[in-house]
Amino acid sequence: MLMNLHKTVWTEALTMADFKQSQTDTAAAIEKMSKLADQYTQRVKEESSLTKEELKTRYVGKLDPKKHLEELGKKTLEDNIVQTLVEMLDKEASFAEKKECASEATEMDLE
């Protein structure tokens, strides 16, 4: 029984995140993607002037902006898609609830 205490339930993914927080997270991710794109452009320019021997050892142990840019782009896109889907589900659920309340009120008026 205690094993299930901190277990996540499937409905946890349907809770809506704070809009301001998601907006700041997205803005920060876009800013970081912009910096990574600049770094990648710089790296491509540098690679054109290096020899094959220099290329082998030039970027060993350093940050790969292309890889990080791709990962950050995917993560940001996934987060935004999930946020939009949750918003749409919430809207539809609240719309259906309002519609049920309206139909019940109409039925009460008829009686």
N, C-alpha and C. Protein backbone atom coordinates (compact mmCIF):
# COMPACT_ATOMS: atom_id res chain seq x y z
N MET A 1 0.82 -1.19 0.00
CA MET A 1 0.00 0.00 0.00
C MET A 1 0.87 1.26 0.00
N LEU A 2 1.95 1.25 0.78
CA LEU A 2 2.84 2.41 0.80
C LEU A 2 3.63 2.55 -0.49
N MET A 3 3.73 1.46 -1.25
CA MET A 3 4.43 1.51 -2.53
C MET A 3 3.69 2.41 -3.52
N ASN A 4 2.38 2.53 -3.37
CA ASN A 4 1.57 3.33 -4.29
C ASN A 4 1.39 4.77 -3.83
N LEU A 5 2.03 5.15 -2.75
CA LEU A 5 1.83 6.47 -2.18
C LEU A 5 2.28 7.59 -3.13
N HIS A 6 3.44 7.47 -3.71
CA HIS A 6 3.97 8.52 -4.58
C HIS A 6 3.89 8.16 -6.05
N LYS A 7 3.08 7.21 -6.37
CA LYS A 7 2.92 6.77 -7.74
C LYS A 7 2.10 7.81 -8.52
N THR A 8 2.53 8.09 -9.74
CA THR A 8 1.79 9.05 -10.55
C THR A 8 0.60 8.34 -11.22
N VAL A 9 -0.46 9.04 -11.36
CA VAL A 9 -1.66 8.49 -12.00
C VAL A 9 -1.77 9.08 -13.41
N TRP A 10 -2.51 8.41 -14.26
CA TRP A 10 -2.59 8.84 -15.65
C TRP A 10 -3.24 10.20 -15.81
N THR A 11 -4.09 10.61 -14.88
CA THR A 11 -4.76 11.90 -15.01
C THR A 11 -3.83 13.07 -14.69
N GLU A 12 -2.66 12.79 -14.14
CA GLU A 12 -1.72 13.86 -13.81
C GLU A 12 -1.26 14.59 -15.07
N ALA A 13 -1.18 13.88 -16.18
CA ALA A 13 -0.77 14.51 -17.44
C ALA A 13 -1.83 15.46 -17.98
N LEU A 14 -3.06 15.35 -17.49
CA LEU A 14 -4.13 16.20 -17.99
C LEU A 14 -4.32 17.48 -17.17
N THR A 15 -3.52 17.66 -16.13
CA THR A 15 -3.62 18.89 -15.36
C THR A 15 -2.97 20.02 -16.15
N MET A 16 -3.61 21.15 -16.14
CA MET A 16 -3.11 22.28 -16.92
C MET A 16 -1.99 22.98 -16.17
N ALA A 17 -0.93 23.26 -16.89
CA ALA A 17 0.19 23.99 -16.32
C ALA A 17 -0.15 25.48 -16.30
N ASP A 18 0.54 26.22 -15.48
CA ASP A 18 0.34 27.66 -15.39
C ASP A 18 0.75 28.31 -16.71
N PHE A 19 -0.10 29.15 -17.25
CA PHE A 19 0.17 29.77 -18.55
C PHE A 19 1.39 30.67 -18.50
N LYS A 20 1.53 31.45 -17.45
CA LYS A 20 2.68 32.36 -17.35
C LYS A 20 3.98 31.58 -17.26
N GLN A 21 3.97 30.47 -16.52
CA GLN A 21 5.17 29.66 -16.39
C GLN A 21 5.54 29.02 -17.73
N SER A 22 4.54 28.49 -18.43
CA SER A 22 4.83 27.87 -19.73
C SER A 22 5.29 28.92 -20.75
N GLN A 23 4.77 30.13 -20.63
CA GLN A 23 5.19 31.20 -21.53
C GLN A 23 6.64 31.58 -21.27
N THR A 24 7.02 31.70 -20.00
CA THR A 24 8.41 32.04 -19.69
C THR A 24 9.35 30.90 -20.06
N ASP A 25 8.91 29.65 -19.88
CA ASP A 25 9.74 28.51 -20.27
C ASP A 25 9.97 28.49 -21.77
N THR A 26 8.91 28.76 -22.53
CA THR A 26 9.02 28.77 -23.99
C THR A 26 9.92 29.92 -24.46
N ALA A 27 9.77 31.07 -23.84
CA ALA A 27 10.61 32.23 -24.22
C ALA A 27 12.08 31.94 -23.91
N ALA A 28 12.35 31.32 -22.77
CA ALA A 28 13.73 30.98 -22.41
C ALA A 28 14.30 29.95 -23.38
N ALA A 29 13.48 28.98 -23.77
CA ALA A 29 13.93 27.95 -24.71
C ALA A 29 14.23 28.56 -26.08
N ILE A 30 13.41 29.49 -26.51
CA ILE A 30 13.63 30.15 -27.80
C ILE A 30 14.91 30.98 -27.77
N GLU A 31 15.14 31.65 -26.66
CA GLU A 31 16.37 32.44 -26.50
C GLU A 31 17.60 31.53 -26.55
N LYS A 32 17.50 30.40 -25.88
CA LYS A 32 18.63 29.46 -25.88
C LYS A 32 18.84 28.86 -27.26
N MET A 33 17.73 28.57 -27.97
CA MET A 33 17.85 28.04 -29.33
C MET A 33 18.52 29.05 -30.26
N SER A 34 18.22 30.32 -30.04
CA SER A 34 18.84 31.37 -30.85
C SER A 34 20.36 31.39 -30.63
N LYS A 35 20.77 31.29 -29.37
CA LYS A 35 22.21 31.27 -29.07
C LYS A 35 22.88 30.03 -29.65
N LEU A 36 22.21 28.87 -29.54
CA LEU A 36 22.76 27.65 -30.09
C LEU A 36 22.87 27.72 -31.61
N ALA A 37 21.90 28.35 -32.27
CA ALA A 37 21.95 28.50 -33.72
C ALA A 37 23.14 29.38 -34.12
N ASP A 38 23.39 30.44 -33.35
CA ASP A 38 24.55 31.29 -33.62
C ASP A 38 25.85 30.51 -33.44
N GLN A 39 25.92 29.71 -32.38
CA GLN A 39 27.12 28.90 -32.14
C GLN A 39 27.33 27.89 -33.27
N TYR A 40 26.23 27.29 -33.73
CA TYR A 40 26.33 26.31 -34.81
C TYR A 40 26.81 26.98 -36.10
N THR A 41 26.30 28.15 -36.38
CA THR A 41 26.73 28.89 -37.57
C THR A 41 28.22 29.21 -37.49
N GLN A 42 28.66 29.62 -36.32
CA GLN A 42 30.08 29.91 -36.11
C GLN A 42 30.92 28.66 -36.34
N ARG A 43 30.46 27.54 -35.82
CA ARG A 43 31.21 26.29 -35.94
C ARG A 43 31.32 25.87 -37.40
N VAL A 44 30.25 26.02 -38.17
CA VAL A 44 30.28 25.64 -39.58
C VAL A 44 31.27 26.52 -40.34
N LYS A 45 31.30 27.80 -40.01
CA LYS A 45 32.26 28.70 -40.65
C LYS A 45 33.70 28.31 -40.31
N GLU A 46 33.93 27.94 -39.04
CA GLU A 46 35.28 27.53 -38.62
C GLU A 46 35.71 26.25 -39.32
N GLU A 47 34.78 25.30 -39.46
CA GLU A 47 35.11 24.01 -40.05
C GLU A 47 35.55 24.13 -41.51
N SER A 48 35.07 25.13 -42.19
CA SER A 48 35.44 25.29 -43.60
C SER A 48 36.90 25.70 -43.76
N SER A 49 37.48 26.31 -42.72
CA SER A 49 38.86 26.75 -42.82
C SER A 49 39.86 25.77 -42.19
N LEU A 50 39.39 24.73 -41.52
CA LEU A 50 40.28 23.76 -40.86
C LEU A 50 40.61 22.60 -41.78
N THR A 51 41.78 22.02 -41.54
CA THR A 51 42.17 20.83 -42.28
C THR A 51 41.53 19.60 -41.64
N LYS A 52 41.64 18.45 -42.31
CA LYS A 52 41.04 17.22 -41.80
C LYS A 52 41.67 16.81 -40.47
N GLU A 53 42.95 16.99 -40.33
CA GLU A 53 43.64 16.63 -39.09
C GLU A 53 43.19 17.53 -37.93
N GLU A 54 43.02 18.81 -38.20
CA GLU A 54 42.56 19.74 -37.17
C GLU A 54 41.10 19.47 -36.78
N LEU A 55 40.29 19.06 -37.74
CA LEU A 55 38.89 18.75 -37.46
C LEU A 55 38.74 17.58 -36.51
N LYS A 56 39.65 16.60 -36.60
CA LYS A 56 39.56 15.42 -35.75
C LYS A 56 39.68 15.76 -34.27
N THR A 57 40.51 16.74 -33.95
CA THR A 57 40.78 17.05 -32.54
C THR A 57 40.20 18.38 -32.08
N ARG A 58 39.67 19.16 -32.98
CA ARG A 58 39.21 20.52 -32.64
C ARG A 58 38.05 20.53 -31.64
N TYR A 59 37.07 19.68 -31.83
CA TYR A 59 35.86 19.77 -31.02
C TYR A 59 35.69 18.60 -30.05
N VAL A 60 36.78 17.92 -29.73
CA VAL A 60 36.70 16.80 -28.80
C VAL A 60 36.41 17.34 -27.40
N GLY A 61 35.37 16.81 -26.78
CA GLY A 61 35.01 17.21 -25.41
C GLY A 61 34.29 18.54 -25.31
N LYS A 62 33.85 19.08 -26.42
CA LYS A 62 33.16 20.37 -26.40
C LYS A 62 31.67 20.18 -26.71
N LEU A 63 30.90 21.17 -26.37
CA LEU A 63 29.46 21.17 -26.59
C LEU A 63 29.16 21.14 -28.09
N ASP A 64 28.26 20.26 -28.48
CA ASP A 64 27.83 20.18 -29.88
C ASP A 64 26.54 20.98 -30.03
N PRO A 65 26.61 22.19 -30.58
CA PRO A 65 25.41 23.04 -30.65
C PRO A 65 24.31 22.44 -31.53
N LYS A 66 24.67 21.70 -32.56
CA LYS A 66 23.66 21.11 -33.44
C LYS A 66 22.83 20.09 -32.67
N LYS A 67 23.48 19.25 -31.90
CA LYS A 67 22.78 18.22 -31.14
C LYS A 67 21.87 18.84 -30.08
N HIS A 68 22.40 19.83 -29.36
CA HIS A 68 21.62 20.47 -28.31
C HIS A 68 20.47 21.29 -28.89
N LEU A 69 20.69 21.90 -30.02
CA LEU A 69 19.64 22.66 -30.69
C LEU A 69 18.50 21.74 -31.11
N GLU A 70 18.84 20.58 -31.64
CA GLU A 70 17.83 19.61 -32.06
C GLU A 70 17.04 19.09 -30.86
N GLU A 71 17.73 18.74 -29.78
CA GLU A 71 17.06 18.23 -28.58
C GLU A 71 16.15 19.27 -27.95
N LEU A 72 16.64 20.50 -27.84
CA LEU A 72 15.85 21.57 -27.23
C LEU A 72 14.64 21.91 -28.09
N GLY A 73 14.81 21.90 -29.40
CA GLY A 73 13.69 22.15 -30.31
C GLY A 73 12.61 21.10 -30.18
N LYS A 74 13.02 19.82 -30.11
CA LYS A 74 12.05 18.74 -29.96
C LYS A 74 11.31 18.85 -28.64
N LYS A 75 12.05 19.10 -27.56
CA LYS A 75 11.43 19.17 -26.24
C LYS A 75 10.44 20.33 -26.15
N THR A 76 10.82 21.48 -26.67
CA THR A 76 9.94 22.66 -26.65
C THR A 76 8.69 22.41 -27.49
N LEU A 77 8.87 21.80 -28.64
CA LEU A 77 7.73 21.50 -29.50
C LEU A 77 6.79 20.51 -28.83
N GLU A 78 7.34 19.46 -28.22
CA GLU A 78 6.51 18.47 -27.53
C GLU A 78 5.75 19.11 -26.37
N ASP A 79 6.43 19.94 -25.59
CA ASP A 79 5.77 20.60 -24.46
C ASP A 79 4.62 21.49 -24.92
N ASN A 80 4.84 22.23 -25.99
CA ASN A 80 3.80 23.12 -26.50
C ASN A 80 2.62 22.35 -27.08
N ILE A 81 2.89 21.23 -27.74
CA ILE A 81 1.81 20.41 -28.29
C ILE A 81 0.97 19.82 -27.16
N VAL A 82 1.64 19.30 -26.13
CA VAL A 82 0.92 18.72 -25.00
C VAL A 82 0.09 19.79 -24.29
N GLN A 83 0.66 20.97 -24.10
CA GLN A 83 -0.06 22.06 -23.44
C GLN A 83 -1.30 22.44 -24.25
N THR A 84 -1.18 22.51 -25.57
CA THR A 84 -2.31 22.85 -26.42
C THR A 84 -3.39 21.78 -26.36
N LEU A 85 -2.99 20.51 -26.39
CA LEU A 85 -3.96 19.42 -26.32
C LEU A 85 -4.70 19.41 -24.99
N VAL A 86 -3.99 19.67 -23.91
CA VAL A 86 -4.63 19.71 -22.59
C VAL A 86 -5.62 20.87 -22.52
N GLU A 87 -5.25 22.01 -23.09
CA GLU A 87 -6.16 23.15 -23.12
C GLU A 87 -7.42 22.82 -23.92
N MET A 88 -7.26 22.14 -25.05
CA MET A 88 -8.41 21.79 -25.87
C MET A 88 -9.32 20.80 -25.13
N LEU A 89 -8.72 19.81 -24.46
CA LEU A 89 -9.52 18.85 -23.69
C LEU A 89 -10.27 19.54 -22.56
N ASP A 90 -9.60 20.45 -21.89
CA ASP A 90 -10.24 21.17 -20.80
C ASP A 90 -11.40 22.01 -21.31
N LYS A 91 -11.19 22.64 -22.45
CA LYS A 91 -12.25 23.47 -23.05
C LYS A 91 -13.45 22.61 -23.42
N GLU A 92 -13.18 21.48 -24.06
CA GLU A 92 -14.27 20.60 -24.48
C GLU A 92 -15.01 20.03 -23.27
N ALA A 93 -14.27 19.68 -22.23
CA ALA A 93 -14.90 19.12 -21.04
C ALA A 93 -15.78 20.16 -20.36
N SER A 94 -15.29 21.39 -20.28
CA SER A 94 -16.09 22.44 -19.64
C SER A 94 -17.28 22.82 -20.52
N PHE A 95 -17.11 22.76 -21.85
CA PHE A 95 -18.21 23.06 -22.76
C PHE A 95 -19.30 21.99 -22.63
N ALA A 96 -18.90 20.73 -22.55
CA ALA A 96 -19.88 19.64 -22.40
C ALA A 96 -20.61 19.76 -21.07
N GLU A 97 -19.89 20.17 -20.04
CA GLU A 97 -20.51 20.34 -18.72
C GLU A 97 -21.54 21.46 -18.76
N LYS A 98 -21.21 22.56 -19.41
CA LYS A 98 -22.15 23.67 -19.52
C LYS A 98 -23.38 23.27 -20.34
N LYS A 99 -23.15 22.47 -21.37
CA LYS A 99 -24.24 22.03 -22.22
C LYS A 99 -25.19 21.12 -21.43
N GLU A 100 -24.64 20.23 -20.60
CA GLU A 100 -25.47 19.36 -19.77
C GLU A 100 -26.28 20.17 -18.77
N CYS A 101 -25.65 21.17 -18.17
CA CYS A 101 -26.36 22.02 -17.21
C CYS A 101 -27.50 22.77 -17.90
N ALA A 102 -27.25 23.24 -19.11
CA ALA A 102 -28.28 23.97 -19.84
C ALA A 102 -29.43 23.06 -20.22
N SER A 103 -29.13 21.81 -20.61
CA SER A 103 -30.21 20.89 -20.99
C SER A 103 -31.02 20.48 -19.76
N GLU A 104 -30.36 20.34 -18.61
CA GLU A 104 -31.08 20.02 -17.37
C GLU A 104 -31.99 21.18 -16.97
N ALA A 105 -31.51 22.39 -17.13
CA ALA A 105 -32.32 23.57 -16.79
C ALA A 105 -33.52 23.66 -17.72
N THR A 106 -33.35 23.32 -18.99
CA THR A 106 -34.44 23.34 -19.94
C THR A 106 -35.49 22.29 -19.58
N GLU A 107 -35.04 21.10 -19.17
CA GLU A 107 -35.95 20.05 -18.79
C GLU A 107 -36.75 20.45 -17.55
N MET A 108 -36.11 21.15 -16.61
CA MET A 108 -36.79 21.60 -15.38
C MET A 108 -37.84 22.63 -15.73
N ASP A 109 -37.54 23.49 -16.70
CA ASP A 109 -38.50 24.52 -17.10
C ASP A 109 -39.73 23.90 -17.74
N LEU A 110 -39.55 22.82 -18.47
CA LEU A 110 -40.66 22.17 -19.15
C LEU A 110 -41.60 21.47 -18.18
N GLU A 111 -41.08 21.00 -17.08
CA GLU A 111 -41.92 20.28 -16.11
C GLU A 111 -42.68 21.25 -15.32
